[in-house]
Protein backbone atom coordinates (compact mmCIF):
# COMPACT_ATOMS: atom_id res chain seq x y z
CA MET A 1 0.00 0.02 0.00
CA ARG A 2 1.10 3.54 -0.68
CA ILE A 3 -0.22 6.75 1.12
CA ASP A 4 0.80 10.16 -0.35
CA ILE A 5 0.07 13.00 2.04
CA ILE A 6 0.08 16.60 0.54
CA THR A 7 0.76 19.22 3.17
CA CYS A 8 2.29 22.75 3.53
CA LEU A 9 3.86 21.80 6.89
CA PRO A 10 5.66 18.43 6.19
CA ARG A 11 7.57 18.51 9.54
CA LEU A 12 4.28 18.06 11.46
CA LEU A 13 4.27 14.51 10.08
CA ASP A 14 7.77 13.46 10.92
CA SER A 15 6.97 12.05 14.42
CA PRO A 16 3.82 9.95 13.74
CA PHE A 17 5.47 7.87 11.00
CA SER A 18 8.95 7.62 12.74
CA ASP A 19 8.00 5.41 15.60
CA SER A 20 6.38 2.24 16.80
CA ILE A 21 3.99 0.25 14.59
CA LEU A 22 3.91 2.75 11.74
CA GLN A 23 7.69 2.85 11.49
CA ARG A 24 7.89 -0.92 11.54
CA ALA A 25 5.32 -1.32 8.90
CA GLN A 26 7.33 0.85 6.52
CA LYS A 27 10.57 -0.92 7.26
CA LYS A 28 8.94 -4.30 6.51
CA GLY A 29 7.89 -2.78 3.15
CA LEU A 30 4.15 -3.34 3.99
CA VAL A 31 3.32 0.31 3.34
CA GLU A 32 5.01 3.33 1.82
CA VAL A 33 4.23 6.77 3.21
CA SER A 34 5.38 9.73 1.13
CA ILE A 35 5.09 13.32 2.42
CA HIS A 36 4.78 15.99 -0.29
CA ASP A 37 5.56 19.67 0.49
CA LEU A 38 2.84 21.67 -1.24
CA ARG A 39 5.06 24.76 -1.43
CA LYS A 40 7.31 22.98 -4.00
CA TYR A 41 4.39 22.97 -6.52
CA SER A 42 3.82 26.72 -6.21
CA THR A 43 4.65 28.74 -9.27
CA ASP A 44 5.21 31.89 -7.14
CA LYS A 45 8.86 32.77 -6.55
CA HIS A 46 8.06 33.00 -2.72
CA GLN A 47 6.41 29.58 -2.82
CA LYS A 48 3.01 31.12 -1.89
CA ILE A 49 0.12 28.66 -1.61
CA ASP A 50 -2.62 30.84 -0.14
CA ASP A 51 -4.49 33.99 -0.92
CA TYR A 52 -7.38 36.12 0.13
CA ALA A 53 -10.95 34.88 -0.44
CA PHE A 54 -12.99 36.44 -3.27
CA GLY A 55 -15.82 38.37 -1.73
CA GLY A 56 -13.83 39.18 1.44
CA GLY A 57 -13.95 37.76 4.86
CA ALA A 58 -11.42 36.69 7.52
CA GLY A 59 -8.70 34.16 6.82
CA MET A 60 -6.77 32.86 3.88
CA VAL A 61 -7.63 30.22 1.28
CA MET A 62 -5.34 27.51 -0.04
CA MET A 63 -4.91 28.18 -3.84
CA ILE A 64 -6.01 25.67 -6.49
CA GLU A 65 -2.91 25.76 -8.67
CA PRO A 66 -0.33 24.25 -6.35
CA ILE A 67 -2.73 21.61 -5.26
CA ALA A 68 -3.63 20.72 -8.87
CA ASN A 69 0.02 20.69 -9.81
CA CYS A 70 0.83 18.30 -6.99
CA ILE A 71 -2.06 15.85 -7.54
CA ARG A 72 -1.47 15.68 -11.34
CA ASP A 73 2.20 14.93 -10.76
CA LEU A 74 1.30 12.10 -8.47
CA GLN A 75 -1.35 10.77 -10.91
CA SER A 76 1.19 10.77 -13.65
CA GLN A 77 3.16 8.17 -11.75
CA ARG A 78 0.31 5.83 -10.58
CA MET A 79 -3.47 5.27 -10.37
CA TYR A 80 -5.17 6.23 -7.06
CA ASP A 81 -8.18 4.60 -5.43
CA GLU A 82 -9.04 7.70 -3.47
CA ILE A 83 -8.07 11.32 -3.24
CA ILE A 84 -9.05 12.27 0.29
CA TYR A 85 -9.45 15.78 1.70
CA MET A 86 -9.31 16.02 5.50
CA SER A 87 -12.16 18.44 6.42
CA PRO A 88 -14.34 19.08 9.53
CA ASP A 89 -17.46 18.83 7.45
CA GLY A 90 -16.47 15.56 5.72
CA GLU A 91 -17.78 12.13 6.30
CA GLN A 92 -17.22 10.94 9.91
CA PHE A 93 -14.30 8.55 10.09
CA THR A 94 -15.29 5.08 11.50
CA GLN A 95 -13.68 1.73 11.95
CA SER A 96 -15.64 0.30 8.93
CA MET A 97 -14.28 3.12 6.73
CA ALA A 98 -10.72 2.23 8.02
CA ASN A 99 -11.38 -1.42 7.06
CA GLN A 100 -12.50 -0.38 3.54
CA LEU A 101 -9.54 1.93 2.99
CA SER A 102 -7.08 -0.63 4.09
CA LEU A 103 -8.01 -2.72 1.08
CA TYR A 104 -6.91 0.00 -1.35
CA GLU A 105 -3.57 0.11 -3.03
CA ASN A 106 -2.85 3.86 -3.42
CA ILE A 107 -4.37 6.82 -1.57
CA ILE A 108 -3.69 10.57 -1.52
CA ILE A 109 -4.60 12.57 1.59
CA LEU A 110 -4.71 16.30 1.16
CA CYS A 111 -4.26 18.37 4.41
CA GLY A 112 -6.16 21.58 4.55
CA HIS A 113 -5.02 24.77 6.27
CA TYR A 114 -6.29 28.37 6.93
CA LYS A 115 -10.00 28.60 5.92
CA GLY A 116 -9.57 25.53 3.71
CA VAL A 117 -8.99 24.89 0.07
CA ASP A 118 -10.48 26.64 -3.01
CA GLU A 119 -13.80 24.99 -3.59
CA ARG A 120 -12.77 23.86 -7.08
CA VAL A 121 -10.23 21.47 -5.63
CA ARG A 122 -13.12 19.72 -3.83
CA GLU A 123 -15.33 19.70 -6.81
CA HIS A 124 -12.78 18.55 -9.37
CA PHE A 125 -10.00 16.67 -7.62
CA VAL A 126 -11.09 15.25 -4.32
CA THR A 127 -13.05 11.89 -4.37
CA ARG A 128 -13.73 11.70 -0.74
CA GLU A 129 -13.86 14.05 2.23
CA ILE A 130 -13.25 12.67 5.78
CA SER A 131 -13.57 14.26 9.26
CA ILE A 132 -12.15 12.76 12.48
CA GLY A 133 -14.74 14.72 14.59
CA ASP A 134 -16.89 17.69 14.99
CA TYR A 135 -14.20 20.23 15.82
CA VAL A 136 -11.52 22.31 14.04
CA LEU A 137 -7.84 21.74 14.10
CA SER A 138 -5.13 24.09 12.97
CA GLY A 139 -4.57 21.94 9.95
CA GLY A 140 -5.21 18.56 8.45
CA GLU A 141 -1.91 16.95 9.33
CA LEU A 142 -2.85 15.40 12.63
CA ALA A 143 -6.11 14.18 11.10
CA ALA A 144 -4.25 12.63 8.18
CA ALA A 145 -1.91 10.86 10.65
CA VAL A 146 -4.93 9.47 12.62
CA VAL A 147 -6.54 8.07 9.46
CA SER A 148 -3.18 6.71 8.22
CA ASP A 149 -2.59 4.95 11.65
CA ALA A 150 -6.04 3.39 11.60
CA ILE A 151 -5.53 2.07 8.17
CA ILE A 152 -1.95 0.85 8.44
CA ARG A 153 -2.46 -1.23 11.57
CA LEU A 154 -5.08 -3.24 9.61
CA LEU A 155 -2.63 -4.31 6.87
CA PRO A 156 -1.69 -7.95 6.94
CA GLY A 157 1.70 -8.42 8.74
CA VAL A 158 1.70 -5.05 10.49
CA LEU A 159 0.62 -6.34 13.94
CA SER A 160 2.34 -9.40 15.34
CA ASP A 161 -1.04 -10.95 16.20
CA GLU A 162 -3.46 -10.18 13.31
CA THR A 163 -6.38 -11.24 15.46
CA SER A 164 -5.72 -8.30 17.71
CA ALA A 165 -7.12 -5.88 15.19
CA LEU A 166 -10.19 -8.04 14.75
CA THR A 167 -11.07 -7.72 18.39
CA ASP A 168 -10.65 -3.95 18.59
CA SER A 169 -13.52 -1.64 19.63
CA PHE A 170 -16.06 -0.98 16.87
CA GLN A 171 -15.02 -3.98 14.65
CA ASP A 172 -18.29 -5.57 15.60
CA ASP A 173 -20.20 -2.41 16.49
CA LEU A 174 -19.34 -2.87 20.16
CA VAL A 175 -16.69 -1.25 22.28
CA ALA A 176 -14.09 -3.66 23.73
CA PRO A 177 -14.67 -5.51 26.96
CA PRO A 178 -12.53 -4.88 30.13
CA VAL A 179 -8.98 -6.41 30.08
CA TYR A 180 -6.81 -7.53 33.02
CA THR A 181 -3.28 -8.74 33.53
CA ARG A 182 -1.06 -9.83 36.45
CA PRO A 183 -1.19 -9.78 39.34
CA ALA A 184 -4.57 -11.41 39.75
CA SER A 185 -4.96 -9.77 43.09
CA PHE A 186 -3.76 -6.23 43.93
CA GLU A 187 -4.67 -4.49 47.26
CA GLY A 188 -7.96 -6.25 47.48
CA MET A 189 -8.83 -5.60 43.82
CA GLU A 190 -9.46 -8.97 42.08
CA VAL A 191 -9.60 -10.18 38.46
CA PRO A 192 -12.95 -11.80 37.60
CA GLU A 193 -12.80 -15.54 38.39
CA VAL A 194 -14.10 -16.47 34.92
CA LEU A 195 -10.82 -15.11 33.34
CA LEU A 196 -8.80 -17.32 35.51
CA SER A 197 -10.83 -20.49 34.83
CA GLY A 198 -9.21 -21.44 31.54
CA HIS A 199 -12.81 -22.25 30.30
CA GLU A 200 -12.65 -20.81 26.75
CA LYS A 201 -16.40 -20.72 26.02
CA LYS A 202 -17.27 -19.11 29.37
CA ILE A 203 -14.49 -16.53 28.92
CA GLU A 204 -15.82 -15.82 25.37
CA ASP A 205 -19.42 -15.45 26.57
CA TRP A 206 -18.24 -13.19 29.50
CA ARG A 207 -16.31 -10.87 27.12
CA PHE A 208 -19.26 -10.57 24.72
CA ASN A 209 -21.69 -9.84 27.52
CA GLN A 210 -19.30 -7.28 29.04
CA ALA A 211 -18.86 -5.58 25.63
CA VAL A 212 -22.59 -5.41 25.10
CA GLU A 213 -23.10 -3.90 28.53
CA ARG A 214 -20.29 -1.47 28.21
CA THR A 215 -21.58 -0.33 24.81
CA ARG A 216 -25.12 0.08 26.23
CA LYS A 217 -23.72 2.39 29.01
CA ARG A 218 -21.08 4.30 26.98
CA ARG A 219 -22.09 4.26 23.27
CA PRO A 220 -25.83 3.22 23.12
CA ASN A 221 -25.99 4.73 19.64
CA LEU A 222 -24.07 1.65 18.46
CA LEU A 223 -26.76 -0.76 19.61
CA LYS A 224 -29.06 -0.39 16.66
């Protein structure tokens, strides 16, 4: 899989992809993440990528020309399954969406800034708009890192135990059940006996019931 991220602040993405699971996935050759500095695609001698909005109003707008130049350059090298724009008013990102995107081969993620991008970018270049929540960030870089992380960890071979991802919260429209580890007893706080029983079916049933009950209390909207 290849993920190309277009940004005007590439250094913001150095850390998320330089450690832990995402770093190992790249070293194993399971995913290639390429960060593209949008300013390099500007035709302005000062590498300008934003301008005032027509009609007035506060804030600057990312110009169409550098974005179009960058996307077309990438498209000349390979076919893309999706060109995603990270936007607060996009589709709400979910685990099922991450599952779907993890099946793709090539993805572009465009990070917005300022008051957003020229609307013509959204109309003529972007194929999907995604939001990670109903709030506004300073830019789309952190959101792009979140989406990339959620996708990459699902790729075969990325996690040492692939069944781990299948038992994550939201994979079956339930949040995950409680988990415990050693010691079994700590200052009078005990691990539920069923988890120490070694009885696989009872443990499975307990975990399912706990997941349903926890979902009912914390995320009842998931229990359709």
